[in-house]
């Protein structure tokens, strides 16, 4: 087997996934390993970074065995990761504390300080974004204020994909796609903003060097090769945040191209030639040079379904284990027995606060419309529909800002659900396109690796080789009318509950 295979690794929020593909984008093998999120205090969310590396070392040998391939066959490696968090490491590269995850909301006090001492309009103008605890700067300021010894001993603060890259190569870097999520990035110039960093009290010497997503940043070390069955010397590119990697997988090259990805979060990404420098959506840099992404992202669109599986679906998990099936498939089948609209049950997917477009860290999940006639099937379907309503809310905000979308591709774990794809098409009243290999970020990593090591001349050639739409899901007119009515109920609930959410957050000290 010639050395033309490409490896993508995605260190996601709930698990690590790896894909091995050939140059025409055919996935030869896929493997994944779930891991836990730890919630040591209310609004905290952490993981041990070493868990990501152990998962990588577990997954890659299984991947090669599945494909009948060896590490020597891999031409290049791309690594993506979950939304931006904070992984401080010492001079030897060892983690100094558990990773603070992107959905962690502990840094509200630091956000208040930033609003008082830094002009938020200037952040929006240079970086694009608003001050919110989902971003990196307040998280890192929390460490600086509350864990000064850890801050002092930090040689570099990495992201999840950056930590895996360090384990693979010994190199510390951060891809430019993650830059705007710091809050002190100059998005037009693709570099850290010294002005914003200084005003925030951020020491840029602790920030890793920036690299283009498809830039080769290092090679697999002998130690990493021994742990993973990769070949020493294999080139590794900088990779991207998971949403950007999904946009690469879907072949977003032209303005208005869009992709939806459901994993822990539910995210829509829209390709543009200029950075989004607003406050309502999320701004990212695309993996394609010269392009940017305007992003609408909920915090727990897919995570809400995982919560149901883990907390309330013991029977489904036992049955799935007995049948050798996935519990999510059984939940999908259960939800399909409930009619569109879930018998007038509406779910707000704000299970860990919410990002765009409401930006409220104390918002919480709600089932609205429960009655004695409500069933488990109604509740599971309402979770799927609630994620789609949140997606539509973000899409309407994006279109009002000038990012018109005619339809979109769907990738990620949620794309495996035919029911969920139909719900999204019906709620959005837009066609949903399913790529042949809708695996999510890890497949986009293979494309960035392929461009970086010269398997593809550029992203245009990569798209022609890799992206094939396998199926298109069209809206159902009857369902669309039902969802239109319920969507407006969904939109009315957050404004009605906003003050109650705040009171709940203050309750009990």
Protein backbone atom coordinates (compact mmCIF):
# COMPACT_ATOMS: atom_id res chain seq x y z
CA UNK A 1 0.00 0.00 0.00
CA UNK A 2 1.54 3.32 -1.04
CA UNK A 3 1.99 6.23 1.31
CA UNK A 4 -1.09 8.16 0.18
CA UNK A 5 -3.44 7.66 3.12
CA UNK A 6 -4.55 10.62 5.23
CA UNK A 7 -5.35 10.56 8.94
CA UNK A 8 -7.77 12.88 10.70
CA UNK A 9 -8.07 13.06 14.49
CA UNK A 10 -10.79 15.06 16.25
CA UNK A 11 -10.47 15.57 20.01
CA UNK A 12 -14.12 16.41 20.58
CA UNK A 13 -16.03 17.32 23.72
CA UNK A 14 -17.47 13.88 24.39
CA UNK A 15 -14.95 11.66 22.63
CA UNK A 16 -12.05 11.33 20.24
CA UNK A 17 -12.71 10.19 16.69
CA UNK A 18 -10.19 9.24 14.01
CA UNK A 19 -10.68 8.62 10.29
CA UNK A 20 -8.27 7.05 7.81
CA UNK A 21 -9.06 7.94 4.20
CA UNK A 22 -7.55 7.57 0.77
CA UNK A 23 -6.86 10.46 -1.58
CA UNK A 24 -10.33 10.39 -3.17
CA UNK A 25 -11.98 10.90 0.19
CA UNK A 26 -13.12 7.34 0.80
CA UNK A 27 -13.03 6.58 4.54
CA UNK A 28 -11.20 3.28 4.91
CA UNK A 29 -11.76 3.06 8.65
CA UNK A 30 -13.27 5.04 11.51
CA UNK A 31 -12.85 4.54 15.23
CA UNK A 32 -13.77 6.50 18.32
CA UNK A 33 -13.43 6.50 22.08
CA UNK A 34 -15.83 8.31 24.42
CA UNK A 35 -14.66 10.08 27.56
CA UNK A 36 -16.37 11.92 30.36
CA UNK A 37 -16.89 15.58 31.09
CA UNK A 38 -16.41 16.39 34.77
CA UNK A 39 -18.58 19.01 36.49
CA UNK A 40 -16.81 19.60 39.84
CA UNK A 41 -18.92 22.67 40.65
CA UNK A 42 -22.01 24.30 39.15
CA UNK A 43 -21.14 25.91 35.79
CA UNK A 44 -17.71 24.21 35.67
CA UNK A 45 -16.79 21.73 32.93
CA UNK A 46 -13.38 20.05 32.83
CA UNK A 47 -11.44 17.13 31.35
CA UNK A 48 -8.01 15.67 31.98
CA UNK A 49 -6.08 16.38 28.75
CA UNK A 50 -4.19 13.13 29.21
CA UNK A 51 -7.53 11.39 28.60
CA UNK A 52 -7.47 12.76 25.04
CA UNK A 53 -4.00 11.36 24.42
CA UNK A 54 -4.86 7.98 25.94
CA UNK A 55 -7.92 7.87 23.67
CA UNK A 56 -5.71 8.68 20.69
CA UNK A 57 -3.29 5.88 21.58
CA UNK A 58 -6.24 3.49 21.92
CA UNK A 59 -8.03 4.52 18.72
CA UNK A 60 -5.18 4.63 16.19
CA UNK A 61 -4.04 0.97 16.43
CA UNK A 62 -7.71 -0.09 16.09
CA UNK A 63 -8.03 2.17 13.07
CA UNK A 64 -5.03 0.64 11.32
CA UNK A 65 -6.24 -2.87 12.09
CA UNK A 66 -9.68 -2.04 10.65
CA UNK A 67 -8.19 -0.66 7.45
CA UNK A 68 -5.50 -3.31 7.06
CA UNK A 69 -2.97 -0.50 6.92
CA UNK A 70 0.15 0.56 8.78
CA UNK A 71 1.44 3.85 10.05
CA UNK A 72 3.97 3.92 7.22
CA UNK A 73 1.09 4.30 4.75
CA UNK A 74 0.02 7.68 6.23
CA UNK A 75 1.17 10.69 4.21
CA UNK A 76 -0.09 13.35 6.62
CA UNK A 77 -2.10 13.96 9.78
CA UNK A 78 -4.59 16.70 10.66
CA UNK A 79 -5.96 17.28 14.16
CA UNK A 80 -9.05 19.25 15.14
CA UNK A 81 -10.54 19.87 18.54
CA UNK A 82 -13.53 20.99 20.51
CA UNK A 83 -14.36 24.65 21.00
CA UNK A 84 -11.70 26.77 22.60
CA UNK A 85 -10.80 26.12 26.24
CA UNK A 86 -7.63 26.34 28.31
CA UNK A 87 -4.96 23.66 28.76
CA UNK A 88 -1.98 25.16 30.64
CA UNK A 89 1.22 23.08 30.32
CA UNK A 90 4.62 23.45 31.94
CA UNK A 91 8.01 23.54 30.26
CA UNK A 92 7.97 19.76 29.76
CA UNK A 93 4.52 19.89 28.18
CA UNK A 94 2.77 18.35 31.20
CA UNK A 95 -0.74 19.63 32.04
CA UNK A 96 -0.79 21.78 35.16
CA UNK A 97 -4.51 21.36 35.81
CA UNK A 98 -7.57 19.81 34.15
CA UNK A 99 -8.59 21.48 30.90
CA UNK A 100 -11.24 24.17 31.30
CA UNK A 101 -13.68 23.37 28.49
CA UNK A 102 -15.39 25.74 26.08
CA UNK A 103 -18.79 25.24 27.75
CA UNK A 104 -17.42 26.11 31.22
CA UNK A 105 -19.16 29.21 32.65
CA UNK A 106 -17.12 29.86 35.84
CA UNK A 107 -15.62 33.13 34.59
CA UNK A 108 -18.63 35.46 34.84
CA UNK A 109 -16.76 37.71 37.31
CA UNK A 110 -13.90 38.04 34.83
CA UNK A 111 -16.41 38.91 32.10
CA UNK A 112 -17.77 41.68 34.33
CA UNK A 113 -14.23 42.99 34.85
CA UNK A 114 -13.58 42.95 31.11
CA UNK A 115 -16.78 44.89 30.42
CA UNK A 116 -15.68 47.52 32.92
CA UNK A 117 -12.07 47.86 31.77
CA UNK A 118 -12.07 47.02 28.05
CA UNK A 119 -14.20 48.65 25.38
CA UNK A 120 -16.43 45.81 24.17
CA UNK A 121 -17.09 47.67 20.92
CA UNK A 122 -13.35 47.65 20.25
CA UNK A 123 -13.24 43.87 20.80
CA UNK A 124 -16.08 43.48 18.31
CA UNK A 125 -14.36 45.76 15.77
CA UNK A 126 -10.96 44.00 15.92
CA UNK A 127 -11.73 40.44 16.96
CA UNK A 128 -15.46 40.06 16.28
CA UNK A 129 -17.49 38.78 19.26
CA UNK A 130 -18.90 39.92 22.56
CA UNK A 131 -17.53 39.38 26.04
CA UNK A 132 -18.81 35.99 27.20
CA UNK A 133 -17.49 33.24 29.43
CA UNK A 134 -17.51 30.75 26.55
CA UNK A 135 -14.45 32.53 25.12
CA UNK A 136 -10.82 31.99 26.10
CA UNK A 137 -9.82 35.35 27.63
CA UNK A 138 -12.14 35.27 30.66
CA UNK A 139 -11.27 31.61 31.32
CA UNK A 140 -7.56 32.39 31.31
CA UNK A 141 -8.06 35.47 33.49
CA UNK A 142 -9.90 33.21 35.97
CA UNK A 143 -6.80 31.00 36.17
CA UNK A 144 -4.57 34.06 36.55
CA UNK A 145 -6.69 35.37 39.42
CA UNK A 146 -7.63 32.15 41.21
CA UNK A 147 -4.67 29.85 40.53
CA UNK A 148 -1.65 32.18 40.39
CA UNK A 149 0.89 29.38 40.89
CA UNK A 150 -0.48 27.48 37.90
CA UNK A 151 -0.47 30.68 35.87
CA UNK A 152 3.13 31.43 36.88
CA UNK A 153 4.37 27.96 35.91
CA UNK A 154 2.53 27.90 32.58
CA UNK A 155 4.92 27.74 29.64
CA UNK A 156 2.07 27.68 27.11
CA UNK A 157 -1.69 27.42 27.15
CA UNK A 158 -2.98 25.05 24.47
CA UNK A 159 -6.24 23.93 22.90
CA UNK A 160 -7.39 20.31 22.69
CA UNK A 161 -5.98 19.80 19.19
CA UNK A 162 -2.84 21.69 20.17
CA UNK A 163 -2.32 19.32 23.08
CA UNK A 164 -2.63 16.27 20.80
CA UNK A 165 -0.22 17.89 18.33
CA UNK A 166 2.24 18.50 21.17
CA UNK A 167 1.96 14.81 22.15
CA UNK A 168 2.54 13.78 18.54
CA UNK A 169 5.34 16.18 17.63
CA UNK A 170 6.62 18.06 20.68
CA UNK A 171 5.58 21.32 18.95
CA UNK A 172 3.28 23.87 20.61
CA UNK A 173 1.01 25.82 18.27
CA UNK A 174 -2.49 27.16 17.78
CA UNK A 175 -4.29 27.16 14.44
CA UNK A 176 -5.59 30.52 13.20
CA UNK A 177 -9.16 29.21 12.95
CA UNK A 178 -9.36 29.33 16.75
CA UNK A 179 -7.98 32.87 16.92
CA UNK A 180 -11.23 34.86 17.19
CA UNK A 181 -12.33 32.63 20.08
CA UNK A 182 -9.58 34.15 22.24
CA UNK A 183 -11.24 37.64 22.19
CA UNK A 184 -7.82 39.23 21.57
CA UNK A 185 -7.28 38.28 17.93
CA UNK A 186 -6.96 40.67 15.00
CA UNK A 187 -9.26 38.82 12.63
CA UNK A 188 -8.46 40.77 9.43
CA UNK A 189 -4.70 40.44 10.06
CA UNK A 190 -4.80 36.83 11.36
CA UNK A 191 -2.60 37.53 14.37
CA UNK A 192 -2.90 38.21 18.09
CA UNK A 193 -3.92 41.79 18.84
CA UNK A 194 -1.26 43.24 21.12
CA UNK A 195 -3.61 46.15 21.87
CA UNK A 196 -6.47 43.96 23.11
CA UNK A 197 -4.18 41.55 24.95
CA UNK A 198 -2.53 44.40 26.83
CA UNK A 199 -5.85 45.89 27.85
CA UNK A 200 -7.05 42.50 29.09
CA UNK A 201 -3.85 41.73 30.98
CA UNK A 202 -3.05 38.73 28.77
CA UNK A 203 0.63 37.73 28.54
CA UNK A 204 1.18 36.81 24.88
CA UNK A 205 4.42 35.03 25.77
CA UNK A 206 2.26 32.23 27.19
CA UNK A 207 0.30 31.93 23.96
CA UNK A 208 1.52 29.38 21.38
CA UNK A 209 2.66 30.38 17.92
CA UNK A 210 -0.12 30.72 15.33
CA UNK A 211 -0.16 28.58 12.19
CA UNK A 212 -2.35 28.25 9.10
CA UNK A 213 -4.68 25.26 9.33
CA UNK A 214 -2.99 23.26 6.56
CA UNK A 215 0.56 24.28 7.52
CA UNK A 216 2.91 21.45 8.48
CA UNK A 217 4.01 22.28 12.04
CA UNK A 218 5.99 19.16 12.98
CA UNK A 219 6.61 15.45 12.55
CA UNK A 220 5.63 12.45 14.66
CA UNK A 221 8.34 11.74 17.24
CA UNK A 222 9.73 8.25 17.88
CA UNK A 223 8.03 8.19 21.29
CA UNK A 224 4.63 9.10 19.79
CA UNK A 225 5.15 6.56 17.02
CA UNK A 226 5.71 3.80 19.58
CA UNK A 227 2.53 4.78 21.43
CA UNK A 228 0.25 5.02 18.39
CA UNK A 229 1.71 2.73 15.67
CA UNK A 230 2.29 5.79 13.49
CA UNK A 231 5.58 6.13 11.64
CA UNK A 232 8.14 8.50 13.10
CA UNK A 233 8.62 11.51 10.83
CA UNK A 234 5.03 11.60 9.54
CA UNK A 235 4.10 15.28 8.95
CA UNK A 236 1.36 16.87 11.08
CA UNK A 237 -0.54 20.02 10.10
CA UNK A 238 -1.93 22.61 12.54
CA UNK A 239 -5.55 21.56 12.01
CA UNK A 240 -8.51 23.59 13.21
CA UNK A 241 -11.32 24.04 15.65
CA UNK A 242 -13.92 21.32 14.98
CA UNK A 243 -16.43 23.61 13.28
CA UNK A 244 -13.85 24.84 10.80
CA UNK A 245 -12.80 21.25 10.09
CA UNK A 246 -16.44 20.38 9.39
CA UNK A 247 -16.67 23.32 6.98
CA UNK A 248 -13.60 21.97 5.16
CA UNK A 249 -15.13 18.49 5.00
CA UNK A 250 -18.31 19.90 3.47
CA UNK A 251 -16.34 21.80 0.82
CA UNK A 252 -17.35 25.35 1.79
CA UNK A 253 -15.44 27.49 -0.71
CA UNK A 254 -17.88 30.18 -1.87
CA UNK A 255 -19.70 32.90 0.03
CA UNK A 256 -23.04 31.59 1.31
CA UNK A 257 -21.97 27.94 1.37
CA UNK A 258 -23.11 26.48 4.71
CA UNK A 259 -22.78 23.38 6.81
CA UNK A 260 -24.52 22.24 9.98
CA UNK A 261 -22.74 20.05 12.52
CA UNK A 262 -24.35 18.40 15.52
CA UNK A 263 -22.16 16.86 18.19
CA UNK A 264 -22.19 18.18 21.76
CA UNK A 265 -23.34 21.48 20.28
CA UNK A 266 -25.41 22.27 17.20
CA UNK A 267 -23.58 24.68 14.92
CA UNK A 268 -24.19 26.32 11.55
CA UNK A 269 -21.17 27.71 9.68
CA UNK A 270 -21.46 30.06 6.70
CA UNK A 271 -18.55 30.82 4.36
CA UNK A 272 -17.65 34.48 3.76
CA UNK A 273 -14.84 36.54 2.25
CA UNK A 274 -14.70 38.93 5.22
CA UNK A 275 -14.60 38.20 8.94
CA UNK A 276 -17.83 38.51 10.90
CA UNK A 277 -17.19 41.49 13.18
CA UNK A 278 -20.48 41.51 15.05
CA UNK A 279 -21.76 40.53 18.50
CA UNK A 280 -24.65 38.14 17.88
CA UNK A 281 -22.84 35.30 16.11
CA UNK A 282 -19.41 33.66 16.45
CA UNK A 283 -16.52 34.57 14.18
CA UNK A 284 -14.02 31.95 12.98
CA UNK A 285 -11.25 31.83 10.42
CA UNK A 286 -11.82 29.23 7.70
CA UNK A 287 -9.30 26.52 6.91
CA UNK A 288 -9.42 27.76 3.30
CA UNK A 289 -6.99 30.69 2.92
CA UNK A 290 -8.72 34.03 2.42
CA UNK A 291 -12.06 32.82 3.78
CA UNK A 292 -13.87 33.22 7.09
CA UNK A 293 -16.86 31.65 8.79
CA UNK A 294 -19.89 33.30 10.39
CA UNK A 295 -21.09 30.82 12.98
CA UNK A 296 -24.23 30.25 15.00
CA UNK A 297 -23.62 27.78 17.80
CA UNK A 298 -25.76 26.40 20.59
CA UNK A 299 -24.00 24.96 23.62
CA UNK A 300 -25.90 21.71 24.05
CA UNK A 301 -28.07 20.92 21.03
CA UNK A 302 -26.61 17.43 20.75
CA UNK A 303 -25.49 17.31 24.37
CA UNK A 304 -29.12 17.41 25.47
CA UNK A 305 -29.74 14.11 23.69
CA UNK A 306 -26.66 12.59 25.26
CA UNK A 307 -27.91 13.81 28.67
CA UNK A 308 -31.20 11.99 28.07
CA UNK A 309 -29.35 8.83 27.04
CA UNK A 310 -27.08 8.89 30.08
CA UNK A 311 -29.61 9.94 32.71
CA UNK A 312 -33.03 8.71 31.59
CA UNK A 313 -32.56 5.94 29.03
CA UNK A 314 -31.22 2.98 31.04
CA UNK A 315 -33.60 0.62 29.23
CA UNK A 316 -32.46 1.81 25.81
CA UNK A 317 -28.80 1.47 26.79
CA UNK A 318 -29.32 -2.07 28.09
CA UNK A 319 -31.26 -3.06 24.97
CA UNK A 320 -28.62 -1.52 22.71
CA UNK A 321 -25.86 -3.42 24.51
CA UNK A 322 -27.79 -6.69 24.18
CA UNK A 323 -28.44 -6.15 20.47
CA UNK A 324 -25.02 -4.77 19.62
CA UNK A 325 -26.58 -1.49 18.53
CA UNK A 326 -26.12 2.18 19.38
CA UNK A 327 -28.48 3.56 22.05
CA UNK A 328 -28.86 6.72 19.97
CA UNK A 329 -30.37 4.62 17.17
CA UNK A 330 -32.97 3.24 19.56
CA UNK A 331 -33.80 6.74 20.79
CA UNK A 332 -34.16 7.82 17.17
CA UNK A 333 -36.65 5.01 16.55
CA UNK A 334 -38.54 5.94 19.71
CA UNK A 335 -38.74 9.63 18.70
CA UNK A 336 -40.09 8.62 15.27
CA UNK A 337 -43.20 7.20 16.96
CA UNK A 338 -44.12 10.72 18.11
CA UNK A 339 -45.70 13.01 15.48
CA UNK A 340 -44.09 16.20 14.14
CA UNK A 341 -44.41 18.79 16.88
CA UNK A 342 -44.09 16.13 19.60
CA UNK A 343 -47.75 16.57 20.56
CA UNK A 344 -47.22 20.28 21.24
CA UNK A 345 -44.20 19.76 23.46
CA UNK A 346 -41.41 22.33 23.04
CA UNK A 347 -37.88 21.93 24.41
CA UNK A 348 -35.39 24.74 25.08
CA UNK A 349 -31.92 23.16 24.67
CA UNK A 350 -30.19 25.58 27.05
CA UNK A 351 -28.82 22.78 29.24
CA UNK A 352 -25.53 24.53 30.06
CA UNK A 353 -26.27 28.15 29.40
CA UNK A 354 -26.42 29.28 25.80
CA UNK A 355 -24.18 30.91 23.28
CA UNK A 356 -25.50 32.52 20.11
CA UNK A 357 -27.78 34.20 19.58
CA UNK A 358 -29.08 34.79 23.15
CA UNK A 359 -25.71 34.71 25.01
CA UNK A 360 -27.03 33.87 28.45
CA UNK A 361 -24.84 31.76 30.72
CA UNK A 362 -27.62 31.15 33.26
CA UNK A 363 -30.28 29.97 30.79
CA UNK A 364 -31.38 26.38 31.40
CA UNK A 365 -33.27 23.63 29.61
CA UNK A 366 -37.07 23.58 29.66
CA UNK A 367 -39.78 21.19 28.52
CA UNK A 368 -42.78 23.43 27.82
CA UNK A 369 -46.20 21.89 27.32
CA UNK A 370 -45.85 18.72 29.41
CA UNK A 371 -49.10 16.98 30.19
CA UNK A 372 -50.18 13.64 31.62
CA UNK A 373 -50.45 12.48 28.01
CA UNK A 374 -46.78 13.28 27.23
CA UNK A 375 -44.65 10.23 26.49
CA UNK A 376 -40.94 9.45 26.44
CA UNK A 377 -41.20 9.46 22.67
CA UNK A 378 -42.61 13.00 22.73
CA UNK A 379 -39.81 14.17 25.00
CA UNK A 380 -37.02 12.67 22.90
CA UNK A 381 -38.53 14.08 19.71
CA UNK A 382 -38.90 17.48 21.41
CA UNK A 383 -35.15 17.41 22.15
CA UNK A 384 -34.42 16.84 18.44
CA UNK A 385 -36.86 19.57 17.45
CA UNK A 386 -35.54 22.01 20.08
CA UNK A 387 -32.04 21.73 18.62
CA UNK A 388 -33.51 22.47 15.17
CA UNK A 389 -35.42 25.50 16.50
CA UNK A 390 -32.17 26.82 17.98
CA UNK A 391 -30.50 26.26 14.62
CA UNK A 392 -33.24 28.23 12.87
CA UNK A 393 -32.90 31.07 15.38
CA UNK A 394 -29.18 31.35 14.58
CA UNK A 395 -29.81 31.09 10.85
CA UNK A 396 -32.37 33.91 10.92
CA UNK A 397 -29.89 36.14 12.76
CA UNK A 398 -27.20 35.28 10.21
CA UNK A 399 -29.45 36.03 7.26
CA UNK A 400 -30.48 39.35 8.82
CA UNK A 401 -26.75 40.18 9.00
CA UNK A 402 -26.39 39.54 5.24
CA UNK A 403 -25.31 35.88 5.16
CA UNK A 404 -27.89 34.35 2.81
CA UNK A 405 -28.06 30.55 2.76
CA UNK A 406 -30.02 28.52 0.20
CA UNK A 407 -29.38 25.13 1.76
CA UNK A 408 -26.75 23.34 3.74
CA UNK A 409 -24.81 20.16 4.23
CA UNK A 410 -25.08 18.21 7.47
CA UNK A 411 -22.12 16.42 9.06
CA UNK A 412 -21.18 15.08 12.46
CA UNK A 413 -22.84 12.52 14.70
CA UNK A 414 -26.29 14.05 14.30
CA UNK A 415 -26.17 13.54 10.53
CA UNK A 416 -26.54 9.79 11.08
CA UNK A 417 -30.14 10.32 12.16
CA UNK A 418 -32.52 10.33 9.19
CA UNK A 419 -35.27 11.63 11.48
CA UNK A 420 -33.17 14.53 12.74
CA UNK A 421 -32.13 15.46 9.20
CA UNK A 422 -35.78 15.59 8.15
CA UNK A 423 -36.71 17.66 11.21
CA UNK A 424 -33.95 20.17 10.37
CA UNK A 425 -35.09 20.42 6.74
CA UNK A 426 -38.70 20.95 7.86
CA UNK A 427 -37.92 23.49 10.61
CA UNK A 428 -35.52 25.49 8.41
CA UNK A 429 -37.61 25.07 5.24
CA UNK A 430 -34.36 24.41 3.39
CA UNK A 431 -32.89 21.35 1.70
CA UNK A 432 -30.37 19.44 3.79
CA UNK A 433 -27.55 17.79 1.83
CA UNK A 434 -25.74 14.75 3.16
CA UNK A 435 -22.17 14.21 1.92
CA UNK A 436 -21.12 10.66 1.17
CA UNK A 437 -18.74 10.67 4.12
CA UNK A 438 -20.56 12.89 6.62
CA UNK A 439 -18.21 11.95 9.45
CA UNK A 440 -17.63 15.46 10.78
CA UNK A 441 -14.45 17.22 11.77
CA UNK A 442 -12.07 14.26 11.46
CA UNK A 443 -12.73 13.99 7.72
CA UNK A 444 -12.02 17.69 7.31
CA UNK A 445 -8.73 17.07 9.10
CA UNK A 446 -7.74 14.59 6.40
CA UNK A 447 -8.41 17.24 3.73
CA UNK A 448 -6.28 19.86 5.50
CA UNK A 449 -3.53 17.29 5.91
CA UNK A 450 -3.79 16.40 2.21
CA UNK A 451 -3.43 20.04 1.16
CA UNK A 452 -0.56 20.55 3.60
CA UNK A 453 1.54 17.63 2.38
CA UNK A 454 0.74 18.07 -1.31
CA UNK A 455 -1.68 15.21 -1.92
CA UNK A 456 -3.99 17.97 -3.24
CA UNK A 457 -2.75 21.13 -4.95
CA UNK A 458 -5.30 23.26 -3.12
CA UNK A 459 -8.75 23.13 -1.50
CA UNK A 460 -10.51 23.36 -4.88
CA UNK A 461 -8.85 20.15 -6.02
CA UNK A 462 -9.53 18.58 -2.63
CA UNK A 463 -13.24 19.41 -2.87
CA UNK A 464 -13.46 17.87 -6.35
CA UNK A 465 -11.78 14.71 -5.05
CA UNK A 466 -13.54 14.34 -1.72
CA UNK A 467 -16.95 16.02 -1.54
CA UNK A 468 -19.84 14.06 -3.01
CA UNK A 469 -23.43 14.70 -2.02
CA UNK A 470 -25.05 11.34 -1.47
CA UNK A 471 -28.58 12.43 -0.62
CA UNK A 472 -30.70 15.55 -0.28
CA UNK A 473 -33.49 15.81 2.27
CA UNK A 474 -36.27 18.16 1.15
CA UNK A 475 -38.70 19.97 3.46
CA UNK A 476 -42.12 18.43 4.00
CA UNK A 477 -44.72 21.17 3.54
CA UNK A 478 -47.21 19.79 6.06
CA UNK A 479 -44.52 19.42 8.71
CA UNK A 480 -43.16 22.88 7.95
CA UNK A 481 -46.49 24.49 8.84
CA UNK A 482 -46.60 22.65 12.16
CA UNK A 483 -43.05 23.68 12.97
CA UNK A 484 -43.64 27.31 12.00
CA UNK A 485 -46.30 27.62 14.70
CA UNK A 486 -44.21 25.87 17.34
CA UNK A 487 -41.06 27.76 16.43
CA UNK A 488 -42.76 31.01 17.34
CA UNK A 489 -43.73 29.47 20.68
CA UNK A 490 -40.04 28.52 21.08
CA UNK A 491 -38.96 32.11 20.30
CA UNK A 492 -41.40 33.54 22.85
CA UNK A 493 -40.18 31.41 25.74
CA UNK A 494 -36.69 32.79 26.36
CA UNK A 495 -37.77 36.47 26.67
CA UNK A 496 -40.54 35.37 29.03
CA UNK A 497 -38.08 33.37 31.16
CA UNK A 498 -35.02 35.63 31.06
CA UNK A 499 -35.60 37.22 34.46
CA UNK A 500 -36.68 33.91 35.99
CA UNK A 501 -33.40 32.37 34.82
CA UNK A 502 -31.52 35.18 36.57
CA UNK A 503 -33.56 34.69 39.76
CA UNK A 504 -32.89 30.96 39.65
CA UNK A 505 -29.15 31.58 39.34
CA UNK A 506 -29.28 33.78 42.46
CA UNK A 507 -31.49 31.42 44.45
CA UNK A 508 -30.03 29.55 47.39
CA UNK A 509 -26.88 31.68 47.64
